[in-house]
N, C-alpha and C. Protein backbone atom coordinates (compact mmCIF):
# COMPACT_ATOMS: atom_id res chain seq x y z
N UNK A 1 -3.43 -17.44 -25.25
CA UNK A 1 -4.63 -17.00 -24.56
C UNK A 1 -5.31 -16.30 -25.47
N UNK A 2 -6.55 -15.85 -25.82
CA UNK A 2 -7.45 -15.02 -26.28
C UNK A 2 -7.86 -13.95 -25.41
N UNK A 3 -8.08 -12.91 -26.10
CA UNK A 3 -8.21 -11.74 -25.34
C UNK A 3 -9.74 -11.35 -26.18
N UNK A 4 -11.02 -11.74 -25.49
CA UNK A 4 -12.10 -11.37 -26.04
C UNK A 4 -12.39 -9.84 -25.75
N UNK A 5 -12.28 -8.81 -26.73
CA UNK A 5 -12.88 -7.57 -26.63
C UNK A 5 -14.20 -7.44 -27.07
N UNK A 6 -15.09 -7.29 -26.03
CA UNK A 6 -16.68 -7.03 -26.53
C UNK A 6 -16.85 -5.47 -26.76
N UNK A 7 -17.32 -5.45 -28.22
CA UNK A 7 -17.40 -3.98 -28.59
C UNK A 7 -18.89 -3.81 -29.03
N UNK A 8 -19.31 -2.41 -28.49
CA UNK A 8 -20.89 -2.02 -28.52
C UNK A 8 -20.83 -0.65 -29.02
N UNK A 9 -21.69 -0.21 -29.54
CA UNK A 9 -21.99 1.20 -29.82
C UNK A 9 -21.88 2.13 -28.86
N UNK A 10 -21.26 3.17 -29.02
CA UNK A 10 -20.74 4.34 -27.97
C UNK A 10 -19.76 3.90 -26.96
N UNK A 11 -18.91 2.67 -27.25
CA UNK A 11 -17.92 2.20 -26.60
C UNK A 11 -16.84 3.71 -26.48
N UNK A 12 -16.32 3.62 -25.13
CA UNK A 12 -15.61 4.69 -24.64
C UNK A 12 -14.12 4.07 -25.14
N UNK A 13 -13.78 4.96 -25.97
CA UNK A 13 -12.34 4.79 -26.86
C UNK A 13 -11.14 4.74 -25.58
N UNK A 14 -11.15 5.50 -24.83
CA UNK A 14 -9.97 5.90 -24.04
C UNK A 14 -9.71 4.70 -23.08
N UNK A 15 -10.76 4.16 -22.85
CA UNK A 15 -10.83 3.15 -21.51
C UNK A 15 -10.13 1.85 -21.72
N UNK A 16 -10.12 1.57 -23.13
CA UNK A 16 -9.35 0.31 -23.41
C UNK A 16 -8.17 0.54 -24.38
N UNK A 17 -7.80 2.09 -24.55
CA UNK A 17 -6.62 2.20 -25.36
C UNK A 17 -5.37 1.67 -25.05
N UNK A 18 -4.92 1.94 -23.56
CA UNK A 18 -3.81 1.48 -23.24
C UNK A 18 -3.43 -0.23 -23.29
N UNK A 19 -4.49 -0.77 -23.01
CA UNK A 19 -4.50 -2.30 -22.67
C UNK A 19 -4.43 -2.78 -24.36
N UNK A 20 -5.19 -2.37 -25.20
CA UNK A 20 -5.48 -2.99 -26.53
C UNK A 20 -3.82 -2.77 -27.27
N UNK A 21 -3.49 -1.38 -27.22
CA UNK A 21 -2.33 -0.87 -27.77
C UNK A 21 -1.22 -1.82 -27.30
N UNK A 22 -0.97 -2.17 -26.13
CA UNK A 22 0.18 -2.91 -25.54
C UNK A 22 0.03 -4.35 -25.86
N UNK A 23 -1.22 -5.01 -25.83
CA UNK A 23 -1.45 -6.33 -26.36
C UNK A 23 -1.29 -6.54 -27.52
N UNK A 24 -1.87 -5.99 -28.55
CA UNK A 24 -1.77 -5.79 -29.82
C UNK A 24 -0.37 -5.83 -30.58
N UNK A 25 0.48 -4.62 -30.15
CA UNK A 25 1.77 -4.28 -30.68
C UNK A 25 2.75 -5.26 -29.99
N UNK A 26 2.35 -5.84 -28.74
CA UNK A 26 3.37 -6.86 -28.23
C UNK A 26 4.99 -6.17 -27.47
N UNK A 27 4.93 -4.86 -27.79
CA UNK A 27 6.35 -4.33 -27.92
C UNK A 27 7.05 -4.44 -26.50
N UNK A 28 6.30 -4.52 -25.32
CA UNK A 28 6.76 -4.53 -24.27
C UNK A 28 6.47 -5.84 -23.33
N UNK A 29 6.04 -6.71 -24.15
CA UNK A 29 5.63 -8.06 -23.61
C UNK A 29 6.71 -9.08 -23.53
N UNK A 30 6.48 -9.92 -22.42
CA UNK A 30 7.82 -10.95 -22.27
C UNK A 30 8.01 -11.67 -23.49
N UNK A 31 9.24 -11.92 -23.98
CA UNK A 31 9.72 -12.41 -25.23
C UNK A 31 9.58 -13.87 -25.49
N UNK A 32 9.46 -14.45 -24.23
CA UNK A 32 9.08 -16.18 -24.56
C UNK A 32 8.04 -16.41 -24.41
N UNK A 33 6.93 -15.59 -24.50
CA UNK A 33 5.39 -16.08 -24.47
C UNK A 33 4.82 -15.88 -25.99
N UNK A 34 3.72 -16.40 -26.16
CA UNK A 34 3.15 -16.24 -27.50
C UNK A 34 2.04 -14.85 -27.47
N UNK A 35 2.16 -14.15 -28.03
CA UNK A 35 1.40 -13.00 -27.92
C UNK A 35 -0.04 -13.30 -28.01
N UNK A 36 -0.78 -12.81 -26.92
CA UNK A 36 -2.27 -13.09 -26.68
C UNK A 36 -2.88 -12.56 -28.18
N UNK A 37 -4.01 -12.90 -28.78
CA UNK A 37 -4.73 -12.82 -29.83
C UNK A 37 -6.20 -12.00 -29.33
N UNK A 38 -6.24 -10.90 -29.95
CA UNK A 38 -7.43 -10.01 -29.68
C UNK A 38 -8.46 -10.40 -30.42
N UNK A 39 -9.56 -10.55 -30.24
CA UNK A 39 -10.87 -10.99 -30.93
C UNK A 39 -11.87 -9.92 -30.31
N UNK A 40 -12.52 -9.48 -31.40
CA UNK A 40 -13.28 -8.51 -31.26
C UNK A 40 -14.71 -9.12 -31.53
N UNK A 41 -15.69 -9.17 -30.41
CA UNK A 41 -17.04 -9.60 -30.35
C UNK A 41 -17.85 -8.75 -30.20
N UNK A 42 -18.98 -8.95 -31.07
CA UNK A 42 -20.29 -8.17 -30.98
C UNK A 42 -21.54 -9.21 -30.61
N UNK A 43 -22.47 -8.15 -30.17
CA UNK A 43 -23.61 -8.98 -30.20
C UNK A 43 -24.04 -9.72 -31.45
N UNK A 44 -23.64 -9.03 -32.44
CA UNK A 44 -23.90 -9.48 -33.79
C UNK A 44 -22.90 -9.07 -34.47
N UNK A 45 -22.73 -9.28 -35.94
CA UNK A 45 -21.81 -8.91 -36.99
C UNK A 45 -21.54 -7.49 -37.64
N UNK A 46 -22.77 -6.90 -37.00
CA UNK A 46 -23.02 -5.60 -37.88
C UNK A 46 -21.66 -4.48 -37.10
N UNK A 47 -21.51 -3.74 -37.82
CA UNK A 47 -20.36 -2.62 -37.25
C UNK A 47 -20.85 -1.70 -36.15
N UNK A 48 -20.04 -1.61 -35.13
CA UNK A 48 -20.47 -0.60 -34.13
C UNK A 48 -19.53 0.65 -34.37
N UNK A 49 -20.01 1.79 -33.66
CA UNK A 49 -19.49 3.21 -34.03
C UNK A 49 -18.92 3.59 -32.12
N UNK A 50 -17.83 3.77 -32.09
CA UNK A 50 -17.42 3.97 -30.80
C UNK A 50 -17.95 5.65 -30.46
N UNK A 51 -17.68 5.91 -29.14
CA UNK A 51 -17.78 7.35 -28.78
C UNK A 51 -17.21 8.44 -29.62
N UNK A 52 -15.88 7.95 -29.93
CA UNK A 52 -14.85 8.95 -30.90
C UNK A 52 -15.31 8.80 -32.16
N UNK A 53 -16.31 8.14 -32.78
CA UNK A 53 -16.60 7.90 -34.05
C UNK A 53 -16.06 6.87 -34.76
N UNK A 54 -15.25 5.90 -34.39
CA UNK A 54 -14.63 4.89 -35.21
C UNK A 54 -15.49 3.81 -35.29
N UNK A 55 -15.43 3.41 -36.53
CA UNK A 55 -16.03 2.04 -36.95
C UNK A 55 -15.38 1.10 -36.31
N UNK A 56 -15.96 -0.08 -35.62
CA UNK A 56 -15.09 -1.43 -35.34
C UNK A 56 -16.05 -2.45 -35.96
N UNK A 57 -15.61 -3.47 -36.92
CA UNK A 57 -16.31 -4.37 -37.10
C UNK A 57 -15.97 -5.59 -36.46
N UNK A 58 -16.89 -6.25 -35.66
CA UNK A 58 -16.79 -7.43 -34.87
C UNK A 58 -16.19 -8.83 -35.84
N UNK A 59 -14.98 -9.61 -35.17
CA UNK A 59 -14.58 -10.61 -35.77
C UNK A 59 -15.88 -11.75 -35.46
N UNK A 60 -16.56 -11.85 -34.49
CA UNK A 60 -17.48 -13.05 -34.16
C UNK A 60 -18.44 -12.13 -33.47
N UNK A 61 -19.52 -12.89 -33.37
CA UNK A 61 -20.68 -12.53 -32.70
C UNK A 61 -20.56 -13.45 -31.20
N UNK A 62 -21.22 -13.14 -30.17
CA UNK A 62 -21.31 -13.65 -28.90
C UNK A 62 -21.45 -15.22 -28.86
N UNK A 63 -22.56 -15.55 -29.69
CA UNK A 63 -22.99 -16.86 -29.50
C UNK A 63 -21.99 -17.81 -30.20
N UNK A 64 -20.87 -17.50 -31.01
CA UNK A 64 -19.96 -17.96 -31.40
C UNK A 64 -18.61 -17.63 -31.06
N UNK A 65 -18.37 -17.14 -29.89
CA UNK A 65 -17.33 -17.06 -29.01
C UNK A 65 -16.78 -17.85 -28.06
N UNK A 66 -15.91 -18.67 -28.40
CA UNK A 66 -15.54 -20.03 -27.65
C UNK A 66 -14.41 -19.49 -26.57
N UNK A 67 -14.99 -18.97 -25.50
CA UNK A 67 -14.08 -18.62 -24.36
C UNK A 67 -13.68 -19.80 -23.54
N UNK A 68 -12.34 -19.95 -23.25
CA UNK A 68 -11.83 -20.98 -22.89
C UNK A 68 -11.18 -20.59 -21.26
N UNK A 69 -10.82 -21.70 -20.66
CA UNK A 69 -10.22 -21.30 -19.46
C UNK A 69 -8.86 -20.34 -19.40
N UNK A 70 -8.69 -19.48 -18.86
CA UNK A 70 -7.69 -18.49 -18.90
C UNK A 70 -7.65 -17.31 -19.83
N UNK A 71 -8.84 -17.69 -20.55
CA UNK A 71 -9.11 -16.40 -21.60
C UNK A 71 -9.36 -15.30 -20.89
N UNK A 72 -9.32 -14.01 -21.55
CA UNK A 72 -9.53 -12.83 -20.94
C UNK A 72 -10.72 -12.16 -21.64
N UNK A 73 -11.74 -11.74 -21.24
CA UNK A 73 -12.91 -10.92 -21.64
C UNK A 73 -12.93 -9.63 -21.19
N UNK A 74 -12.73 -8.42 -21.82
CA UNK A 74 -12.93 -7.23 -21.67
C UNK A 74 -14.22 -6.41 -21.96
N UNK A 75 -14.63 -5.71 -21.16
CA UNK A 75 -15.82 -5.16 -21.10
C UNK A 75 -15.87 -3.66 -21.30
N UNK A 76 -15.64 -2.78 -22.10
CA UNK A 76 -15.56 -1.47 -21.99
C UNK A 76 -16.76 -0.69 -21.47
N UNK A 77 -16.64 0.42 -21.30
CA UNK A 77 -17.57 1.29 -20.87
C UNK A 77 -18.13 1.89 -22.09
N UNK A 78 -19.63 2.29 -22.13
CA UNK A 78 -20.48 2.58 -23.10
C UNK A 78 -21.81 3.01 -22.78
N UNK A 79 -22.28 4.02 -23.50
CA UNK A 79 -23.62 4.52 -23.18
C UNK A 79 -24.79 3.52 -23.28
N UNK A 80 -24.65 2.44 -24.04
CA UNK A 80 -25.48 1.45 -24.24
C UNK A 80 -25.75 0.03 -23.66
N UNK A 81 -25.14 0.26 -22.62
CA UNK A 81 -24.90 -0.93 -21.88
C UNK A 81 -26.37 -1.64 -21.34
N UNK A 82 -27.33 -0.47 -21.07
CA UNK A 82 -28.78 -0.77 -20.63
C UNK A 82 -29.58 -1.60 -21.69
N UNK A 83 -28.94 -1.27 -22.93
CA UNK A 83 -29.96 -1.93 -24.08
C UNK A 83 -29.95 -3.57 -23.71
N UNK A 84 -30.91 -4.34 -24.01
CA UNK A 84 -31.23 -5.57 -24.01
C UNK A 84 -30.20 -6.37 -24.52
N UNK A 85 -29.75 -5.90 -25.72
CA UNK A 85 -29.28 -6.98 -26.71
C UNK A 85 -27.92 -7.34 -26.11
N UNK A 86 -27.24 -6.44 -24.90
CA UNK A 86 -25.90 -6.72 -24.45
C UNK A 86 -25.95 -7.68 -23.43
N UNK A 87 -27.40 -8.45 -23.18
CA UNK A 87 -27.29 -9.30 -22.01
C UNK A 87 -26.77 -10.79 -22.18
N UNK A 88 -26.76 -10.81 -23.61
CA UNK A 88 -25.91 -12.33 -23.90
C UNK A 88 -24.56 -12.56 -23.51
N UNK A 89 -23.74 -11.48 -23.87
CA UNK A 89 -22.22 -11.56 -23.12
C UNK A 89 -22.12 -11.63 -21.74
N UNK A 90 -23.08 -11.24 -21.00
CA UNK A 90 -23.19 -11.06 -19.52
C UNK A 90 -23.70 -12.71 -19.12
N UNK A 91 -24.77 -13.07 -19.97
CA UNK A 91 -25.10 -14.59 -19.64
C UNK A 91 -23.91 -15.26 -20.01
N UNK A 92 -23.01 -14.83 -20.97
CA UNK A 92 -21.99 -16.07 -21.42
C UNK A 92 -20.78 -16.25 -20.12
N UNK A 93 -20.55 -14.91 -19.51
CA UNK A 93 -19.56 -14.86 -18.69
C UNK A 93 -19.92 -15.06 -17.13
N UNK A 94 -20.91 -14.76 -16.84
CA UNK A 94 -21.59 -14.88 -15.30
C UNK A 94 -21.41 -16.36 -14.76
N UNK A 95 -20.84 -16.49 -13.95
CA UNK A 95 -20.62 -17.78 -12.94
C UNK A 95 -19.41 -18.47 -13.34
N UNK A 96 -18.61 -18.06 -14.64
CA UNK A 96 -17.74 -18.75 -15.19
C UNK A 96 -16.38 -18.13 -14.45
N UNK A 97 -15.62 -19.12 -13.13
CA UNK A 97 -14.69 -18.68 -12.63
C UNK A 97 -13.60 -18.93 -13.35
N UNK A 98 -13.69 -19.73 -14.28
CA UNK A 98 -12.09 -20.09 -14.98
C UNK A 98 -11.76 -19.27 -15.90
N UNK A 99 -12.45 -17.98 -16.55
CA UNK A 99 -11.88 -17.04 -17.12
C UNK A 99 -11.68 -15.72 -16.54
N UNK A 100 -10.65 -14.98 -17.13
CA UNK A 100 -10.66 -13.62 -16.56
C UNK A 100 -11.41 -12.38 -17.09
N UNK A 101 -12.37 -11.60 -16.42
CA UNK A 101 -13.11 -10.64 -16.71
C UNK A 101 -12.55 -9.01 -16.35
N UNK A 102 -12.41 -8.21 -17.21
CA UNK A 102 -12.18 -6.93 -16.98
C UNK A 102 -13.15 -6.03 -17.32
N UNK A 103 -13.95 -5.30 -16.46
CA UNK A 103 -15.13 -4.52 -16.58
C UNK A 103 -14.51 -3.16 -16.10
N UNK A 104 -14.91 -2.07 -16.95
CA UNK A 104 -14.52 -0.86 -16.70
C UNK A 104 -16.04 0.35 -16.88
N UNK A 105 -16.25 1.29 -15.94
CA UNK A 105 -17.11 2.11 -16.10
C UNK A 105 -18.65 1.37 -16.43
N UNK A 106 -19.23 1.87 -17.48
CA UNK A 106 -20.67 1.24 -17.64
C UNK A 106 -20.87 -0.20 -17.58
N UNK A 107 -19.77 -0.75 -17.83
CA UNK A 107 -19.75 -2.37 -17.92
C UNK A 107 -19.90 -2.76 -16.43
N UNK A 108 -19.39 -2.17 -15.34
CA UNK A 108 -19.69 -2.44 -13.90
C UNK A 108 -20.90 -2.47 -13.69
N UNK A 109 -21.58 -1.30 -14.35
CA UNK A 109 -23.25 -1.51 -14.08
C UNK A 109 -23.82 -2.78 -14.52
N UNK A 110 -23.47 -3.09 -15.78
CA UNK A 110 -24.06 -4.28 -16.21
C UNK A 110 -23.72 -5.75 -15.31
N UNK A 111 -22.75 -5.50 -14.81
CA UNK A 111 -22.35 -6.61 -13.87
C UNK A 111 -23.05 -6.61 -12.74
N UNK A 112 -23.24 -5.18 -11.95
CA UNK A 112 -23.76 -5.17 -10.75
C UNK A 112 -25.31 -5.42 -10.91
N UNK A 113 -26.08 -5.09 -12.28
CA UNK A 113 -27.32 -5.60 -12.37
C UNK A 113 -27.64 -6.97 -12.21
N UNK A 114 -26.66 -7.74 -12.77
CA UNK A 114 -26.89 -9.18 -12.86
C UNK A 114 -26.26 -9.98 -11.54
N UNK A 115 -25.80 -9.11 -10.51
CA UNK A 115 -25.65 -9.98 -9.46
C UNK A 115 -23.95 -10.25 -9.18
N UNK A 116 -23.38 -10.10 -10.46
CA UNK A 116 -21.85 -10.64 -10.39
C UNK A 116 -21.32 -10.05 -9.29
N UNK A 117 -21.50 -8.57 -8.81
CA UNK A 117 -20.71 -7.62 -7.90
C UNK A 117 -21.13 -8.08 -6.58
N UNK A 118 -22.12 -8.67 -6.39
CA UNK A 118 -22.89 -9.04 -5.07
C UNK A 118 -21.83 -9.86 -4.06
N UNK A 119 -20.95 -10.49 -4.75
CA UNK A 119 -20.10 -11.55 -4.01
C UNK A 119 -18.60 -11.06 -4.10
N UNK A 120 -18.15 -10.15 -4.73
CA UNK A 120 -16.71 -9.62 -5.42
C UNK A 120 -16.50 -8.45 -4.90
N UNK A 121 -15.50 -8.19 -4.37
CA UNK A 121 -14.80 -6.99 -4.33
C UNK A 121 -14.90 -6.04 -5.52
N UNK A 122 -15.07 -4.94 -5.57
CA UNK A 122 -15.31 -4.22 -6.99
C UNK A 122 -15.16 -2.61 -6.69
N UNK A 123 -14.91 -2.01 -7.69
CA UNK A 123 -15.13 -0.72 -7.88
C UNK A 123 -15.92 -0.33 -9.40
N UNK A 124 -16.20 1.09 -9.31
CA UNK A 124 -17.15 1.60 -10.77
C UNK A 124 -16.78 3.22 -10.50
N UNK A 125 -17.62 3.73 -11.10
CA UNK A 125 -17.80 5.20 -11.18
C UNK A 125 -18.16 5.96 -9.80
N UNK A 126 -18.76 5.10 -8.86
CA UNK A 126 -19.24 5.30 -7.62
C UNK A 126 -20.13 4.36 -7.11
N UNK A 127 -20.27 4.22 -5.85
CA UNK A 127 -21.19 3.19 -5.29
C UNK A 127 -22.63 4.10 -5.40
N UNK A 128 -22.85 5.23 -5.31
CA UNK A 128 -24.14 5.75 -5.47
C UNK A 128 -24.66 5.70 -6.66
N UNK A 129 -23.60 5.72 -7.86
CA UNK A 129 -24.15 5.54 -9.18
C UNK A 129 -24.75 4.10 -9.35
N UNK A 130 -23.96 3.01 -8.67
CA UNK A 130 -24.34 1.87 -9.05
C UNK A 130 -25.73 1.82 -8.60
N UNK A 131 -25.94 2.25 -7.34
CA UNK A 131 -27.28 2.04 -6.63
C UNK A 131 -28.09 2.95 -7.34
N UNK A 132 -27.91 3.82 -7.88
CA UNK A 132 -29.03 4.52 -8.71
C UNK A 132 -29.48 3.95 -10.16
N UNK A 133 -28.46 3.13 -10.59
CA UNK A 133 -28.78 2.89 -12.17
C UNK A 133 -28.95 1.34 -12.19
N UNK A 134 -28.90 0.62 -11.07
CA UNK A 134 -28.83 -0.96 -10.71
C UNK A 134 -29.81 -1.32 -9.66
N UNK A 135 -31.23 -1.62 -10.12
CA UNK A 135 -32.11 -1.94 -9.02
C UNK A 135 -31.72 -3.28 -8.22
N UNK A 136 -31.19 -4.20 -8.77
CA UNK A 136 -30.77 -5.43 -8.39
C UNK A 136 -29.60 -5.50 -7.62
N UNK A 137 -28.75 -4.30 -7.48
CA UNK A 137 -27.38 -4.50 -7.00
C UNK A 137 -27.66 -4.30 -5.41
N UNK A 138 -26.93 -5.29 -4.96
CA UNK A 138 -26.78 -5.34 -3.29
C UNK A 138 -25.34 -5.92 -2.47
N UNK A 139 -24.47 -5.31 -3.72
CA UNK A 139 -23.06 -5.58 -3.10
C UNK A 139 -22.10 -4.42 -2.54
N UNK A 140 -22.98 -3.61 -1.90
CA UNK A 140 -22.38 -2.14 -1.55
C UNK A 140 -21.36 -2.19 -0.47
N UNK A 141 -21.47 -3.49 0.29
CA UNK A 141 -20.67 -3.70 1.22
C UNK A 141 -19.22 -4.07 0.94
N UNK A 142 -19.20 -4.56 -0.51
CA UNK A 142 -17.70 -4.96 -0.79
C UNK A 142 -17.48 -3.72 -2.03
N UNK A 143 -18.06 -2.59 -1.90
CA UNK A 143 -17.54 -1.60 -2.93
C UNK A 143 -16.59 -1.02 -2.40
N UNK A 144 -15.37 -0.86 -3.20
CA UNK A 144 -13.82 0.02 -2.64
C UNK A 144 -13.56 0.99 -3.54
N UNK A 145 -13.42 2.06 -2.81
CA UNK A 145 -13.24 3.45 -3.51
C UNK A 145 -11.72 3.54 -4.15
N UNK A 146 -11.36 2.69 -4.98
CA UNK A 146 -10.13 2.88 -5.58
C UNK A 146 -10.26 2.95 -7.11
N UNK A 147 -9.36 3.26 -8.03
CA UNK A 147 -9.30 3.54 -9.23
C UNK A 147 -9.63 1.99 -10.06
N UNK A 148 -9.06 1.22 -9.43
CA UNK A 148 -9.32 -0.22 -9.82
C UNK A 148 -9.31 -1.46 -8.59
N UNK A 149 -9.95 -2.38 -8.79
CA UNK A 149 -9.93 -3.33 -8.04
C UNK A 149 -9.79 -4.80 -8.64
N UNK A 150 -9.09 -5.35 -7.72
CA UNK A 150 -9.03 -7.23 -8.47
C UNK A 150 -9.47 -8.05 -7.33
N UNK A 151 -10.53 -8.93 -7.60
CA UNK A 151 -10.93 -9.90 -6.74
C UNK A 151 -10.91 -11.08 -7.32
N UNK A 152 -9.75 -12.07 -7.50
CA UNK A 152 -9.71 -13.39 -7.93
C UNK A 152 -9.48 -13.13 -9.35
N UNK A 153 -10.58 -13.57 -10.38
CA UNK A 153 -10.18 -13.24 -11.64
C UNK A 153 -11.08 -12.17 -12.37
N UNK A 154 -11.54 -11.22 -11.46
CA UNK A 154 -12.42 -10.18 -11.96
C UNK A 154 -11.72 -8.99 -11.64
N UNK A 155 -11.44 -8.04 -12.69
CA UNK A 155 -11.11 -6.75 -12.39
C UNK A 155 -11.88 -5.74 -12.80
N UNK A 156 -12.29 -4.72 -11.89
CA UNK A 156 -13.28 -3.68 -12.25
C UNK A 156 -12.54 -2.10 -12.17
N UNK A 157 -13.05 -1.19 -12.55
CA UNK A 157 -12.39 0.03 -12.77
C UNK A 157 -13.21 1.15 -12.80
N UNK A 158 -12.81 2.39 -12.42
CA UNK A 158 -13.85 3.22 -12.78
C UNK A 158 -13.29 3.96 -14.13
N UNK A 159 -14.10 4.77 -14.77
CA UNK A 159 -14.10 5.12 -16.19
C UNK A 159 -12.89 5.90 -16.64
N UNK A 160 -12.34 6.75 -15.32
CA UNK A 160 -11.46 7.51 -15.57
C UNK A 160 -10.12 6.87 -14.98
N UNK A 161 -9.99 5.82 -15.12
CA UNK A 161 -8.68 4.76 -14.74
C UNK A 161 -8.37 3.99 -15.77
N UNK A 162 -8.25 4.34 -16.96
CA UNK A 162 -7.76 3.10 -17.94
C UNK A 162 -6.42 2.78 -17.61
N UNK A 163 -5.49 3.58 -17.10
CA UNK A 163 -4.20 3.31 -16.90
C UNK A 163 -4.28 1.78 -15.77
N UNK A 164 -4.73 2.14 -14.79
CA UNK A 164 -5.02 1.40 -13.58
C UNK A 164 -5.64 -0.11 -14.07
N UNK A 165 -6.59 0.23 -14.69
CA UNK A 165 -7.49 -0.69 -15.58
C UNK A 165 -6.26 -1.97 -16.22
N UNK A 166 -5.78 -1.27 -17.10
CA UNK A 166 -4.75 -1.83 -17.84
C UNK A 166 -3.48 -2.50 -16.98
N UNK A 167 -3.02 -1.67 -16.07
CA UNK A 167 -2.02 -2.34 -14.96
C UNK A 167 -2.52 -3.48 -14.40
N UNK A 168 -3.75 -3.57 -13.73
CA UNK A 168 -4.29 -4.60 -13.15
C UNK A 168 -4.22 -5.96 -14.11
N UNK A 169 -4.81 -5.69 -15.34
CA UNK A 169 -5.41 -6.92 -16.03
C UNK A 169 -3.68 -7.21 -16.51
N UNK A 170 -2.96 -6.31 -17.08
CA UNK A 170 -1.79 -7.03 -17.43
C UNK A 170 -0.97 -7.84 -16.49
N UNK A 171 -1.05 -7.19 -15.33
CA UNK A 171 -0.41 -7.96 -14.09
C UNK A 171 -0.91 -9.32 -13.92
N UNK A 172 -2.42 -9.37 -13.81
CA UNK A 172 -3.06 -10.68 -13.88
C UNK A 172 -2.75 -11.63 -14.93
N UNK A 173 -2.84 -11.13 -16.30
CA UNK A 173 -2.42 -12.14 -17.22
C UNK A 173 -0.93 -12.65 -17.48
N UNK A 174 -0.08 -11.72 -16.61
CA UNK A 174 1.36 -11.99 -16.56
C UNK A 174 1.89 -12.07 -17.81
N UNK A 175 1.65 -10.96 -18.78
CA UNK A 175 2.39 -11.05 -20.05
C UNK A 175 3.42 -9.98 -20.15
N UNK A 176 3.70 -9.33 -19.17
CA UNK A 176 5.02 -8.36 -19.08
C UNK A 176 5.84 -8.96 -18.06
N UNK A 177 7.11 -8.62 -17.91
CA UNK A 177 8.03 -8.62 -16.77
C UNK A 177 7.65 -7.71 -15.58
N UNK A 178 7.75 -7.94 -14.42
CA UNK A 178 7.52 -6.99 -13.09
C UNK A 178 7.95 -5.64 -13.46
N UNK A 179 9.45 -5.86 -13.67
CA UNK A 179 10.14 -4.40 -13.90
C UNK A 179 9.60 -3.68 -15.00
N UNK A 180 9.10 -4.38 -16.12
CA UNK A 180 8.82 -3.60 -17.23
C UNK A 180 7.44 -3.05 -17.19
N UNK A 181 6.49 -3.63 -16.23
CA UNK A 181 5.00 -3.19 -16.09
C UNK A 181 5.35 -2.01 -15.11
N UNK A 182 5.95 -2.27 -14.10
CA UNK A 182 6.34 -1.10 -13.15
C UNK A 182 6.69 0.22 -13.77
N UNK A 183 7.77 0.12 -14.68
CA UNK A 183 8.34 1.36 -15.28
C UNK A 183 7.20 2.08 -16.33
N UNK A 184 6.57 0.84 -16.95
CA UNK A 184 5.62 1.40 -18.12
C UNK A 184 4.38 2.16 -17.35
N UNK A 185 3.88 1.54 -16.14
CA UNK A 185 3.04 2.41 -15.43
C UNK A 185 3.28 3.60 -14.84
N UNK A 186 4.65 3.90 -14.69
CA UNK A 186 4.97 5.14 -13.74
C UNK A 186 5.32 5.96 -14.76
N UNK A 187 5.84 5.70 -16.07
CA UNK A 187 6.06 6.76 -17.08
C UNK A 187 4.77 7.39 -17.55
N UNK A 188 3.49 6.44 -17.79
CA UNK A 188 2.52 7.20 -18.05
C UNK A 188 1.85 7.80 -16.83
N UNK A 189 2.17 7.46 -15.55
CA UNK A 189 1.56 8.23 -14.36
C UNK A 189 1.91 9.47 -14.20
N UNK A 190 3.40 9.29 -14.47
CA UNK A 190 4.33 10.82 -13.67
C UNK A 190 4.90 11.62 -14.85
N UNK A 191 4.85 11.01 -16.08
CA UNK A 191 5.46 11.55 -17.15
C UNK A 191 7.05 11.87 -16.86
N UNK A 192 7.68 11.12 -15.93
CA UNK A 192 8.99 11.35 -15.96
C UNK A 192 9.77 10.67 -16.63
N UNK A 193 10.69 11.29 -17.20
CA UNK A 193 11.81 10.47 -17.98
C UNK A 193 12.62 9.21 -17.56
N UNK A 194 12.77 9.40 -16.30
CA UNK A 194 13.56 8.45 -15.71
C UNK A 194 12.83 7.03 -15.66
N UNK A 195 11.35 6.90 -15.85
CA UNK A 195 10.78 5.71 -15.94
C UNK A 195 10.70 5.25 -17.37
N UNK A 196 11.07 6.21 -18.58
CA UNK A 196 11.30 5.57 -19.63
C UNK A 196 12.53 5.04 -19.89
N UNK A 197 13.45 5.43 -19.11
CA UNK A 197 15.07 4.65 -19.35
C UNK A 197 14.97 3.27 -18.62
N UNK A 198 13.91 3.38 -17.38
CA UNK A 198 14.03 2.03 -16.62
C UNK A 198 13.13 1.12 -17.70
N UNK A 199 12.30 1.66 -18.11
CA UNK A 199 11.47 0.80 -19.18
C UNK A 199 12.26 0.27 -20.22
N UNK A 200 13.34 1.14 -20.73
CA UNK A 200 14.03 0.49 -21.90
C UNK A 200 15.06 -0.52 -21.43
N UNK A 201 15.67 -0.36 -20.32
CA UNK A 201 16.55 -1.15 -19.54
C UNK A 201 15.99 -2.42 -19.10
N UNK A 202 14.49 -2.46 -19.00
CA UNK A 202 13.73 -3.62 -18.42
C UNK A 202 13.56 -4.91 -19.70
N UNK A 203 13.89 -4.16 -20.98
CA UNK A 203 13.79 -4.90 -21.90
C UNK A 203 15.08 -5.42 -22.61
N UNK A 204 16.05 -5.24 -21.95
CA UNK A 204 17.48 -5.60 -22.41
C UNK A 204 17.38 -7.46 -21.99
């Protein structure tokens, strides 16, 4: 499978850090699978600069992103989602139920503005936040006050829950053993050494 990471100016570095590091390194992934390939997608091929000042050069642009059944599209938060040039990626994924979409923080607002969250259980930074910034949003009855929410092939998360965002995505794409994912999550969540040893044992 391919992991299409959408990159845009002011991308919130921390929101994708756990996910991209584990998928790219493959250190805890299942041994008998082909490691997912990360493809950086931009609105165009110009470099973007993250909130942390890191420059990222897209591998491809949206028009040439061949997103197929079972692929994952990751939409990070950013302060520039309301720029019109980001509409192309939303149009590309909207209504496609054969792909997996993970959206966090400001990206959830982009989905809300385009009606994607009107028919899916979801979360974001806050329900009132979505109502304030998204004039077309009418999915408040499906809003859940949780760090991350999964409904079918859609995973949404608040911007302060990158760990839960990663957990739910990895669980959905099934690239870690359950025991490994459990130990990995609780190691970062609790900082308790016992989970490190559980994590190491799960890899034997």
